[in-house]
Amino acid sequence: MNMNNQPQFTFTFPAPSATPRPPRYSKALWLVGIGLLANAAVLLLARGQAPDIAFDRAALAQAAPAPQTGQLLGARGLYMMPAQLGPTTFGLYLMDVDSSTICVYKALPDNNHFRLMAARSFKYDRFLEDFNNETLRPKEVQKIVEAQQQRVELQQKEDQPTVDQTPKPAENLPDPPK
């Protein structure tokens, strides 16, 4: 084996710089660290009993107490969600839980408007157990649900005996033989 055919490697190391490095832990980093620790301590100590000033109840997804007047203020029971209605068409869904309705709006970016595409009551839809069709109207769904409930009531009546099964008092027993 010839020694002249072996590759040669040279390593070079950078020369030490003459500029001094900043201290490893600067005062700003210490202040940030102390601030983070203080924040963690407040969150741990205030768990469950946070004052309203420090933490907003809505931000923690907690239900706000009902006002004393009995009326709920704001948009309680109203949900909105963005939707992609087609490959390039966008809009939003709006659901009102109190009135049991859902609406679909299409966004029209040319004139900054929304167009109502569909609205439907789901008051009776949620009681259906077995249905898969898109042509029914809410009144027809109501009739199907009512018929379904009548079938359940009839089935419960069929399970009950038609003759009174309660034990009779002893006075209705036949007289013993003499």
Protein backbone atom coordinates (compact mmCIF):
# COMPACT_ATOMS: atom_id res chain seq x y z
CA MET A 1 0.00 0.00 0.00
CA ASN A 2 1.37 3.34 -1.02
CA MET A 3 1.41 6.08 1.61
CA ASN A 4 1.27 8.85 -0.96
CA ASN A 5 -2.26 7.90 -2.10
CA GLN A 6 -3.91 8.47 1.28
CA PRO A 7 -5.92 11.69 1.57
CA GLN A 8 -4.59 14.31 3.89
CA PHE A 9 -6.79 16.32 6.22
CA THR A 10 -5.93 19.59 7.81
CA PHE A 11 -7.84 21.07 10.69
CA THR A 12 -7.90 24.75 11.40
CA PHE A 13 -9.29 26.30 14.53
CA PRO A 14 -10.52 29.89 14.68
CA ALA A 15 -8.27 32.22 16.49
CA PRO A 16 -9.56 33.47 19.83
CA SER A 17 -11.34 36.80 19.43
CA ALA A 18 -10.07 39.82 21.19
CA THR A 19 -13.60 41.18 21.88
CA PRO A 20 -14.89 40.31 25.33
CA ARG A 21 -18.11 38.28 25.57
CA PRO A 22 -21.04 39.71 27.50
CA PRO A 23 -21.72 38.15 30.88
CA ARG A 24 -23.56 34.90 30.69
CA TYR A 25 -26.53 36.06 32.76
CA SER A 26 -27.44 39.66 32.15
CA LYS A 27 -29.68 41.72 34.43
CA ALA A 28 -32.50 41.77 31.86
CA LEU A 29 -32.67 37.98 31.79
CA TRP A 30 -32.81 37.90 35.58
CA LEU A 31 -35.72 40.36 35.55
CA VAL A 32 -37.61 38.30 32.97
CA GLY A 33 -37.07 35.14 34.99
CA ILE A 34 -38.26 36.77 38.22
CA GLY A 35 -41.34 38.09 36.41
CA LEU A 36 -42.19 34.63 35.08
CA LEU A 37 -41.80 33.08 38.53
CA ALA A 38 -44.04 35.75 40.06
CA ASN A 39 -46.66 35.11 37.36
CA ALA A 40 -46.56 31.35 38.02
CA ALA A 41 -46.87 31.91 41.77
CA VAL A 42 -49.94 34.12 41.33
CA LEU A 43 -51.60 31.58 39.03
CA LEU A 44 -50.91 28.69 41.41
CA LEU A 45 -52.03 30.53 44.53
CA ALA A 46 -55.16 31.99 42.94
CA ARG A 47 -56.40 28.72 41.43
CA GLY A 48 -60.17 28.57 41.82
CA GLN A 49 -60.51 31.75 43.85
CA ALA A 50 -59.30 34.34 41.38
CA PRO A 51 -60.74 37.81 41.84
CA ASP A 52 -62.74 39.22 38.93
CA ILE A 53 -60.24 42.02 38.47
CA ALA A 54 -57.30 39.70 37.87
CA PHE A 55 -59.09 37.11 35.71
CA ASP A 56 -62.18 37.63 33.61
CA ARG A 57 -64.67 34.76 34.02
CA ALA A 58 -65.38 34.63 30.32
CA ALA A 59 -61.69 34.12 29.61
CA LEU A 60 -61.68 31.07 31.89
CA ALA A 61 -64.85 29.71 30.18
CA GLN A 62 -66.89 29.95 33.34
CA ALA A 63 -70.53 30.86 33.28
CA ALA A 64 -71.21 34.36 34.52
CA PRO A 65 -73.79 34.57 37.28
CA ALA A 66 -77.28 35.56 36.12
CA PRO A 67 -78.21 39.21 36.72
CA GLN A 68 -80.64 39.96 39.52
CA THR A 69 -83.29 41.22 37.07
CA GLY A 70 -83.79 37.74 35.62
CA GLN A 71 -82.76 38.86 32.14
CA LEU A 72 -79.58 37.65 30.54
CA LEU A 73 -77.60 40.38 28.87
CA GLY A 74 -75.45 39.93 25.82
CA ALA A 75 -75.48 37.09 23.33
CA ARG A 76 -76.14 34.12 25.56
CA GLY A 77 -77.01 30.99 23.60
CA LEU A 78 -75.91 32.49 20.29
CA TYR A 79 -73.03 30.72 18.54
CA MET A 80 -71.22 31.74 15.36
CA MET A 81 -68.68 29.70 13.42
CA PRO A 82 -66.84 30.41 10.16
CA ALA A 83 -67.54 27.98 7.34
CA GLN A 84 -66.14 27.04 3.97
CA LEU A 85 -69.20 26.57 1.79
CA GLY A 86 -67.33 25.70 -1.40
CA PRO A 87 -63.82 25.61 -2.85
CA THR A 88 -63.63 29.42 -2.96
CA THR A 89 -66.81 30.36 -1.08
CA PHE A 90 -66.80 31.26 2.59
CA GLY A 91 -69.44 32.24 5.08
CA LEU A 92 -70.59 31.50 8.59
CA TYR A 93 -73.04 29.44 10.60
CA LEU A 94 -75.18 31.16 13.21
CA MET A 95 -76.98 29.04 15.80
CA ASP A 96 -79.47 30.39 18.31
CA VAL A 97 -79.96 27.81 21.04
CA ASP A 98 -82.85 29.68 22.68
CA SER A 99 -85.00 29.69 19.53
CA SER A 100 -83.55 26.37 18.20
CA THR A 101 -82.61 27.76 14.81
CA ILE A 102 -79.54 27.59 12.61
CA CYS A 103 -78.72 29.97 9.75
CA VAL A 104 -76.11 29.85 7.01
CA TYR A 105 -74.70 33.08 5.59
CA LYS A 106 -72.49 33.44 2.51
CA ALA A 107 -69.78 36.11 2.54
CA LEU A 108 -69.76 38.43 -0.47
CA PRO A 109 -66.31 40.05 -0.41
CA ASP A 110 -67.00 42.30 -3.44
CA ASN A 111 -69.43 44.51 -1.52
CA ASN A 112 -68.61 43.48 2.09
CA HIS A 113 -72.00 41.88 2.75
CA PHE A 114 -73.43 38.61 3.99
CA ARG A 115 -76.27 36.85 2.18
CA LEU A 116 -78.66 34.54 4.03
CA MET A 117 -78.45 31.16 2.28
CA ALA A 118 -80.57 28.97 4.57
CA ALA A 119 -82.36 28.99 7.90
CA ARG A 120 -83.98 26.11 9.74
CA SER A 121 -85.50 25.26 13.06
CA PHE A 122 -83.95 22.19 14.70
CA LYS A 123 -86.43 22.14 17.58
CA TYR A 124 -87.82 18.74 16.58
CA ASP A 125 -84.80 17.42 14.62
CA ARG A 126 -82.93 16.55 17.78
CA PHE A 127 -85.63 14.06 18.84
CA LEU A 128 -85.32 11.90 15.72
CA GLU A 129 -83.68 8.56 16.28
CA ASP A 130 -83.51 7.11 12.78
CA PHE A 131 -83.82 9.37 9.74
CA ASN A 132 -81.68 10.28 6.75
CA ASN A 133 -83.35 12.57 4.20
CA GLU A 134 -82.99 16.23 3.30
CA THR A 135 -86.45 17.07 1.94
CA LEU A 136 -88.35 17.29 5.23
CA ARG A 137 -89.56 20.56 6.63
CA PRO A 138 -89.61 21.24 10.40
CA LYS A 139 -93.40 20.68 10.62
CA GLU A 140 -93.01 17.27 8.97
CA VAL A 141 -90.21 16.42 11.41
CA GLN A 142 -92.53 17.45 14.26
CA LYS A 143 -95.18 15.00 13.02
CA ILE A 144 -92.61 12.17 12.76
CA VAL A 145 -91.37 12.85 16.30
CA GLU A 146 -94.92 12.95 17.68
CA ALA A 147 -95.73 9.64 15.94
CA GLN A 148 -92.53 8.16 17.32
CA GLN A 149 -93.48 9.29 20.84
CA GLN A 150 -96.97 7.77 20.43
CA ARG A 151 -95.39 4.45 19.41
CA VAL A 152 -93.24 4.52 22.54
CA GLU A 153 -96.30 5.26 24.69
CA LEU A 154 -98.24 2.41 23.05
CA GLN A 155 -95.35 0.02 23.59
CA GLN A 156 -95.21 1.00 27.26
CA LYS A 157 -98.97 0.36 27.53
CA GLU A 158 -98.55 -3.07 25.91
CA ASP A 159 -96.05 -4.02 28.59
CA GLN A 160 -98.62 -3.28 31.30
CA PRO A 161 -101.24 -5.93 32.13
CA THR A 162 -104.84 -5.16 31.12
CA VAL A 163 -106.31 -6.85 34.19
CA ASP A 164 -105.81 -5.40 37.64
CA GLN A 165 -103.10 -7.53 39.25
CA THR A 166 -103.29 -6.08 42.77
CA PRO A 167 -104.11 -8.62 45.49
CA LYS A 168 -107.73 -8.56 46.67
CA PRO A 169 -108.68 -8.22 50.31
CA ALA A 170 -109.51 -11.38 52.24
CA GLU A 171 -113.24 -10.58 52.25
CA ASN A 172 -113.43 -11.40 48.56
CA LEU A 173 -112.13 -14.96 49.10
CA PRO A 174 -114.64 -17.79 48.81
CA ASP A 175 -116.15 -19.07 52.04
CA PRO A 176 -114.30 -22.00 53.55
CA PRO A 177 -116.14 -25.38 53.47
CA LYS A 178 -118.23 -26.19 56.55
